Amino acid sequence: MSPRPSPADPTSAPPARRPRRTRASPPGAVAIGSLAMGSRGQQHPALGVGLWGLGRWEPDEERKTRAVAEHAAERGVPWFDTAEVYGAGRSERLLGDLLARWPEGRPRPFISTKLSWEHLRSAQVRASLIGSRRRLGVEAIDLYLVHAPDPRVPIRETMGALEALQKEGFVRALGVSNFSLEQLEAAEAALGEAEIVAHQVQFNLLEREEADPILDHCHRHRIVVEAYSPVARGLLAGRFLTGRGPSGPDRRRGHGVFAPEKFPEYRARARRIAELAEASGVPVLSLALHGLAREGAAPVFGASEPTQVDAALAAWAVRPSGKLLDRAVRLGRGEE
């Protein structure tokens, strides 16, 4: 593997760059910014939307996801994240339909998609990539990630197949998702000239178990940390701060931050962050998103309706002070 130059200060998170809006940007677009990705001058948007769907991809849920994607495009969200397993390919197809109607002259968004953990054998990797390219309607995928590792498949086989596809021009950048630090290092060692430039993990101010072990390594090697579930399934957007949390058929019920043994403590921390936001006159969502950016991560938020896209962009447009964000991080850790 080719050596990567380290940032001047390897202990600090890379700063986001704030680009100018172009004349082709949609009306009302928010300046998102970008992060350096890898050692070859590539850039990664600092904020994006994930199209993992709203459940089992029944017709009404697919309609809602399409509405979210189209509204995000209208608002100028620069990064769309998907995967071949989302809706068994329907998420990629939905996004491909959107890209096929993309306005001429408007900068095209950055597209990341993922290789299923069930398709990590060499021949499967190529077949999956062909399917994703076809559904997305693109010649090359901006960022192609391994969705999760499978200990039954040697990582060298998977990464070798991915590097070959990148050399053929079908993939512009490679990444991984849901890898431990040890697994990440093994994936890096399996590459020759290519490099891993992104790692997507669950990461928010409350749930840090997956991110903390890999943050320093990623910053040293210019690997962008993509943070999914950045608002802790709504807790850091001000939802579920009273009552019992999700109920009925809500698929969040009893899982993640809402697990019975975790929820009381997580909700107490989320309340303290919400109180800090109110006292400071900023949206709590601003603290949730910019708190992650403060640590060098790029949040990828989910939305079940277009108004949630608007809320995320409005929150991103507010720039809390570093002191305020540092305190929000401490509150999320339970240190205050």
Protein backbone atom coordinates (compact mmCIF):
# COMPACT_ATOMS: atom_id res chain seq x y z
CA MET A 1 0.00 0.00 0.00
CA SER A 2 1.30 3.42 -0.91
CA PRO A 3 2.19 5.54 2.12
CA ARG A 4 -0.15 8.40 2.90
CA PRO A 5 1.13 11.79 4.05
CA SER A 6 -0.29 12.74 7.44
CA PRO A 7 -1.80 16.12 8.30
CA ALA A 8 0.54 18.58 10.02
CA ASP A 9 -1.25 17.91 13.31
CA PRO A 10 -2.32 14.25 13.28
CA THR A 11 -4.31 14.62 16.50
CA SER A 12 -6.64 17.27 15.12
CA ALA A 13 -9.69 16.71 12.94
CA PRO A 14 -9.44 18.00 9.36
CA PRO A 15 -11.29 21.29 8.87
CA ALA A 16 -14.25 21.57 6.52
CA ARG A 17 -13.87 23.77 3.49
CA ARG A 18 -16.75 26.10 2.65
CA PRO A 19 -17.16 26.43 -1.12
CA ARG A 20 -18.82 29.31 -2.87
CA ARG A 21 -22.24 28.75 -4.31
CA THR A 22 -22.29 28.68 -8.08
CA ARG A 23 -24.84 30.37 -10.29
CA ALA A 24 -26.14 26.89 -11.11
CA SER A 25 -26.91 26.14 -7.46
CA PRO A 26 -30.64 25.85 -6.70
CA PRO A 27 -32.41 28.77 -5.01
CA GLY A 28 -32.09 28.68 -1.23
CA ALA A 29 -29.10 26.34 -1.29
CA VAL A 30 -27.09 26.18 1.93
CA ALA A 31 -23.28 26.23 1.78
CA ILE A 32 -22.36 22.72 2.91
CA GLY A 33 -18.57 22.59 2.66
CA SER A 34 -16.30 19.61 2.10
CA LEU A 35 -13.58 17.50 3.69
CA ALA A 36 -10.29 16.36 2.21
CA MET A 37 -10.56 12.67 1.28
CA GLY A 38 -7.43 10.59 0.84
CA SER A 39 -4.00 11.68 -0.31
CA ARG A 40 -4.88 12.52 -3.93
CA GLY A 41 -6.80 15.74 -3.63
CA GLN A 42 -10.34 14.33 -3.63
CA GLN A 43 -13.11 16.12 -1.74
CA HIS A 44 -16.05 14.69 0.20
CA PRO A 45 -19.19 16.73 1.02
CA ALA A 46 -19.50 17.62 4.69
CA LEU A 47 -23.22 16.75 4.91
CA GLY A 48 -25.49 14.35 3.05
CA VAL A 49 -28.77 12.45 3.08
CA GLY A 50 -29.14 8.68 3.35
CA LEU A 51 -31.76 6.84 1.31
CA TRP A 52 -32.03 3.66 3.35
CA GLY A 53 -35.80 3.87 3.27
CA LEU A 54 -38.48 3.96 5.88
CA GLY A 55 -39.14 0.28 6.60
CA ARG A 56 -39.97 -2.55 4.26
CA TRP A 57 -40.15 -0.47 1.07
CA GLU A 58 -43.87 -0.82 0.67
CA PRO A 59 -45.41 1.54 -1.94
CA ASP A 60 -46.21 4.34 0.51
CA GLU A 61 -42.75 4.17 2.08
CA GLU A 62 -41.08 4.24 -1.32
CA ARG A 63 -43.18 7.25 -2.27
CA LYS A 64 -42.01 9.07 0.86
CA THR A 65 -38.37 8.22 0.19
CA ARG A 66 -38.70 9.51 -3.37
CA ALA A 67 -40.22 12.75 -2.08
CA VAL A 68 -37.33 13.17 0.36
CA ALA A 69 -34.73 12.54 -2.37
CA GLU A 70 -36.33 14.96 -4.80
CA HIS A 71 -36.66 17.68 -2.17
CA ALA A 72 -33.06 17.18 -1.08
CA ALA A 73 -31.99 17.62 -4.70
CA GLU A 74 -34.09 20.78 -5.02
CA ARG A 75 -32.46 22.17 -1.87
CA GLY A 76 -28.96 21.45 -3.13
CA VAL A 77 -27.91 18.62 -0.81
CA PRO A 78 -24.57 17.60 -2.39
CA TRP A 79 -24.28 13.97 -1.24
CA PHE A 80 -26.67 11.02 -1.51
CA ASP A 81 -25.86 7.75 0.26
CA THR A 82 -27.46 4.44 -0.68
CA ALA A 83 -26.68 0.70 -0.88
CA GLU A 84 -27.59 -2.32 -2.95
CA VAL A 85 -29.38 -3.88 0.04
CA TYR A 86 -31.67 -0.89 0.61
CA GLY A 87 -35.01 -2.06 -0.69
CA ALA A 88 -33.23 -4.84 -2.64
CA GLY A 89 -31.92 -2.27 -5.13
CA ARG A 90 -34.96 0.00 -5.17
CA SER A 91 -33.14 2.79 -3.32
CA GLU A 92 -30.42 2.86 -6.00
CA ARG A 93 -33.04 2.72 -8.77
CA LEU A 94 -34.96 5.60 -7.20
CA LEU A 95 -31.79 7.65 -7.04
CA GLY A 96 -30.95 6.69 -10.62
CA ASP A 97 -34.34 8.02 -11.76
CA LEU A 98 -33.54 11.30 -10.02
CA LEU A 99 -30.10 11.55 -11.64
CA ALA A 100 -31.58 10.85 -15.07
CA ARG A 101 -33.70 14.00 -14.68
CA TRP A 102 -30.91 16.13 -13.23
CA PRO A 103 -31.06 19.75 -14.48
CA GLU A 104 -28.43 20.55 -17.08
CA GLY A 105 -25.77 22.89 -15.77
CA ARG A 106 -26.33 22.08 -12.10
CA PRO A 107 -23.40 20.33 -10.35
CA ARG A 108 -24.19 16.65 -9.97
CA PRO A 109 -24.23 15.27 -6.42
CA PHE A 110 -21.63 13.02 -4.87
CA ILE A 111 -22.96 9.43 -4.85
CA SER A 112 -21.91 6.74 -2.40
CA THR A 113 -23.29 3.22 -2.45
CA LYS A 114 -22.35 -0.01 -0.73
CA LEU A 115 -21.44 -3.58 -1.57
CA SER A 116 -23.52 -6.07 0.43
CA TRP A 117 -21.81 -8.17 3.10
CA GLU A 118 -23.34 -11.16 1.27
CA HIS A 119 -21.42 -10.38 -1.95
CA LEU A 120 -17.78 -10.20 -0.88
CA ARG A 121 -16.36 -12.94 -3.11
CA SER A 122 -14.41 -11.64 -6.10
CA ALA A 123 -16.97 -12.59 -8.77
CA GLN A 124 -19.81 -11.28 -6.61
CA VAL A 125 -18.06 -7.93 -6.15
CA ARG A 126 -17.97 -7.35 -9.91
CA ALA A 127 -21.58 -8.47 -10.38
CA SER A 128 -22.78 -6.20 -7.57
CA LEU A 129 -20.95 -3.20 -8.96
CA ILE A 130 -22.41 -3.80 -12.42
CA GLY A 131 -25.89 -3.92 -10.88
CA SER A 132 -25.38 -0.75 -8.86
CA ARG A 133 -24.02 1.17 -11.88
CA ARG A 134 -26.98 0.05 -13.95
CA ARG A 135 -29.57 1.03 -11.33
CA LEU A 136 -27.87 4.38 -10.68
CA GLY A 137 -27.34 5.05 -14.38
CA VAL A 138 -23.74 6.18 -13.91
CA GLU A 139 -20.48 5.28 -15.62
CA ALA A 140 -18.50 5.45 -12.38
CA ILE A 141 -19.53 5.45 -8.72
CA ASP A 142 -17.99 8.29 -6.70
CA LEU A 143 -17.51 6.21 -3.55
CA TYR A 144 -18.03 2.45 -3.23
CA LEU A 145 -18.00 1.04 0.31
CA VAL A 146 -17.98 -2.46 1.73
CA HIS A 147 -21.21 -2.37 3.75
CA ALA A 148 -19.92 -4.68 6.49
CA PRO A 149 -17.24 -7.35 6.85
CA ASP A 150 -17.86 -11.10 6.67
CA PRO A 151 -15.29 -13.11 8.62
CA ARG A 152 -15.88 -16.08 6.33
CA VAL A 153 -14.50 -14.19 3.32
CA PRO A 154 -10.84 -13.10 3.28
CA ILE A 155 -10.72 -9.32 3.15
CA ARG A 156 -7.79 -9.56 0.73
CA GLU A 157 -10.08 -11.19 -1.85
CA THR A 158 -12.71 -8.45 -1.52
CA MET A 159 -10.32 -5.52 -1.56
CA GLY A 160 -8.33 -6.98 -4.46
CA ALA A 161 -11.50 -7.17 -6.54
CA LEU A 162 -12.43 -3.61 -5.60
CA GLU A 163 -8.99 -2.26 -6.47
CA ALA A 164 -9.19 -3.91 -9.88
CA LEU A 165 -12.56 -2.25 -10.53
CA GLN A 166 -11.16 1.12 -9.49
CA LYS A 167 -8.26 0.70 -11.93
CA GLU A 168 -10.82 -0.03 -14.66
CA GLY A 169 -12.46 3.32 -13.95
CA PHE A 170 -15.77 2.01 -12.59
CA VAL A 171 -15.16 3.38 -9.08
CA ARG A 172 -13.56 6.71 -8.17
CA ALA A 173 -12.89 5.98 -4.49
CA LEU A 174 -13.08 3.07 -2.05
CA GLY A 175 -14.35 2.87 1.52
CA VAL A 176 -15.68 0.57 4.20
CA SER A 177 -18.52 0.62 6.71
CA ASN A 178 -19.08 -0.91 10.13
CA PHE A 179 -15.46 -2.11 10.39
CA SER A 180 -13.49 -2.29 13.63
CA LEU A 181 -10.07 -0.66 13.72
CA GLU A 182 -8.41 -4.06 13.27
CA GLN A 183 -10.64 -4.84 10.28
CA LEU A 184 -9.97 -1.41 8.78
CA GLU A 185 -6.22 -1.89 9.06
CA ALA A 186 -6.49 -5.34 7.46
CA ALA A 187 -8.48 -3.88 4.57
CA GLU A 188 -5.85 -1.17 4.06
CA ALA A 189 -3.05 -3.74 4.10
CA ALA A 190 -4.89 -5.76 1.43
CA LEU A 191 -4.63 -2.93 -1.12
CA GLY A 192 -1.72 -2.22 -3.42
CA GLU A 193 -1.81 1.25 -4.95
CA ALA A 194 -5.39 2.10 -3.96
CA GLU A 195 -6.39 3.58 -0.62
CA ILE A 196 -9.41 3.56 1.66
CA VAL A 197 -10.70 7.12 1.87
CA ALA A 198 -13.97 6.80 3.83
CA HIS A 199 -15.35 4.77 6.71
CA GLN A 200 -19.07 4.92 7.55
CA VAL A 201 -20.07 4.09 11.12
CA GLN A 202 -22.91 4.81 13.52
CA PHE A 203 -21.87 8.00 15.27
CA ASN A 204 -23.72 10.67 17.18
CA LEU A 205 -23.17 12.65 20.37
CA LEU A 206 -24.74 9.84 22.40
CA GLU A 207 -23.55 6.70 20.62
CA ARG A 208 -19.80 6.71 20.08
CA GLU A 209 -18.85 3.07 20.56
CA GLU A 210 -18.10 2.46 16.88
CA ALA A 211 -16.46 5.79 16.14
CA ASP A 212 -14.14 6.43 19.06
CA PRO A 213 -11.75 3.53 18.31
CA ILE A 214 -11.25 4.59 14.69
CA LEU A 215 -11.30 8.41 14.79
CA ASP A 216 -7.60 9.04 15.37
CA HIS A 217 -6.54 6.49 12.75
CA CYS A 218 -8.93 7.94 10.18
CA HIS A 219 -7.78 11.51 10.79
CA ARG A 220 -4.11 10.52 10.49
CA HIS A 221 -4.73 8.79 7.16
CA ARG A 222 -7.22 11.30 5.73
CA ILE A 223 -10.07 8.80 5.84
CA VAL A 224 -13.39 10.63 6.05
CA VAL A 225 -15.58 9.34 8.87
CA GLU A 226 -19.15 9.25 7.58
CA ALA A 227 -21.54 9.38 10.56
CA TYR A 228 -24.86 7.61 10.09
CA SER A 229 -27.68 8.02 12.62
CA PRO A 230 -26.26 11.47 13.53
CA VAL A 231 -29.36 12.56 15.46
CA ALA A 232 -29.72 9.30 17.43
CA ARG A 233 -32.96 8.31 15.72
CA GLY A 234 -34.59 11.61 16.58
CA LEU A 235 -33.44 12.06 20.19
CA LEU A 236 -30.97 14.78 19.18
CA ALA A 237 -33.62 16.50 17.09
CA GLY A 238 -35.73 17.04 20.20
CA ARG A 239 -38.05 14.03 19.78
CA PHE A 240 -38.92 11.48 22.48
CA LEU A 241 -37.60 13.68 25.29
CA THR A 242 -40.84 13.02 27.16
CA GLY A 243 -43.04 9.95 27.32
CA ARG A 244 -41.85 6.42 26.68
CA GLY A 245 -40.18 6.78 23.32
CA PRO A 246 -41.31 5.13 20.06
CA SER A 247 -44.42 2.99 20.37
CA GLY A 248 -46.61 0.72 18.31
CA PRO A 249 -45.17 -0.46 14.98
CA ASP A 250 -42.32 2.10 14.95
CA ARG A 251 -39.28 -0.01 14.01
CA ARG A 252 -37.04 2.06 16.32
CA ARG A 253 -38.91 0.70 19.34
CA GLY A 254 -36.62 -1.19 21.72
CA HIS A 255 -33.49 -0.84 19.57
CA GLY A 256 -30.32 1.26 19.67
CA VAL A 257 -30.75 4.32 21.88
CA PHE A 258 -34.25 3.08 22.72
CA ALA A 259 -33.10 -0.23 24.19
CA PRO A 260 -34.67 -0.40 27.67
CA GLU A 261 -31.32 -0.60 29.44
CA LYS A 262 -29.93 2.44 27.59
CA PHE A 263 -32.85 4.76 26.94
CA PRO A 264 -33.18 6.49 30.35
CA GLU A 265 -29.51 7.57 30.39
CA TYR A 266 -29.43 8.56 26.73
CA ARG A 267 -32.61 10.59 27.10
CA ALA A 268 -31.22 12.38 30.16
CA ARG A 269 -28.12 13.37 28.18
CA ALA A 270 -30.24 14.43 25.18
CA ARG A 271 -32.36 16.63 27.45
CA ARG A 272 -29.25 18.37 28.77
CA ILE A 273 -28.07 19.01 25.21
CA ALA A 274 -31.53 20.36 24.31
CA GLU A 275 -31.44 22.66 27.34
CA LEU A 276 -28.01 23.92 26.29
CA ALA A 277 -29.32 24.62 22.79
CA GLU A 278 -32.35 26.51 24.10
CA ALA A 279 -30.26 28.58 26.50
CA SER A 280 -27.84 29.42 23.67
CA GLY A 281 -30.53 30.26 21.12
CA VAL A 282 -29.51 27.63 18.56
CA PRO A 283 -31.40 24.58 17.24
CA VAL A 284 -30.51 21.38 19.06
CA LEU A 285 -30.07 19.83 15.62
CA SER A 286 -27.24 22.32 14.98
CA LEU A 287 -25.39 21.01 18.01
CA ALA A 288 -25.96 17.41 16.89
CA LEU A 289 -24.67 17.93 13.36
CA HIS A 290 -21.90 20.44 13.97
CA GLY A 291 -20.78 18.55 17.07
CA LEU A 292 -19.86 15.68 14.74
CA ALA A 293 -18.28 18.04 12.23
CA ARG A 294 -16.23 19.46 15.10
CA GLU A 295 -14.73 15.96 15.44
CA GLY A 296 -13.98 15.74 11.74
CA ALA A 297 -16.96 13.59 10.73
CA ALA A 298 -19.40 14.06 7.85
CA PRO A 299 -22.99 13.43 9.03
CA VAL A 300 -25.36 11.56 6.71
CA PHE A 301 -28.88 12.17 8.00
CA GLY A 302 -32.08 10.29 7.33
CA ALA A 303 -35.46 11.85 6.67
CA SER A 304 -38.98 10.49 6.38
CA GLU A 305 -40.46 13.68 4.95
CA PRO A 306 -39.19 16.77 3.08
CA THR A 307 -39.62 19.07 6.08
CA GLN A 308 -36.91 17.09 7.89
CA VAL A 309 -34.51 17.89 5.05
CA ASP A 310 -35.35 21.56 5.51
CA ALA A 311 -34.75 21.27 9.26
CA ALA A 312 -31.34 19.66 8.75
CA LEU A 313 -30.26 22.33 6.28
CA ALA A 314 -31.52 25.14 8.50
CA ALA A 315 -29.59 23.63 11.40
CA TRP A 316 -26.45 23.32 9.27
CA ALA A 317 -26.70 26.98 8.30
CA VAL A 318 -26.35 27.93 11.99
CA ARG A 319 -22.70 27.83 13.10
CA PRO A 320 -22.44 27.36 16.89
CA SER A 321 -19.21 28.43 18.55
CA GLY A 322 -16.48 25.91 19.20
CA LYS A 323 -16.92 26.38 22.93
CA LEU A 324 -20.62 25.55 22.67
CA LEU A 325 -19.96 22.48 20.54
CA ASP A 326 -17.28 21.22 22.89
CA ARG A 327 -19.74 21.41 25.77
CA ALA A 328 -22.39 19.57 23.73
CA VAL A 329 -19.86 16.80 23.07
CA ARG A 330 -19.09 16.53 26.80
CA LEU A 331 -22.79 16.37 27.62
CA GLY A 332 -23.26 13.64 25.07
CA ARG A 333 -20.44 11.68 26.67
CA GLY A 334 -22.06 12.08 30.08
CA GLU A 335 -19.10 14.08 31.38
CA GLU A 336 -21.27 16.88 32.78
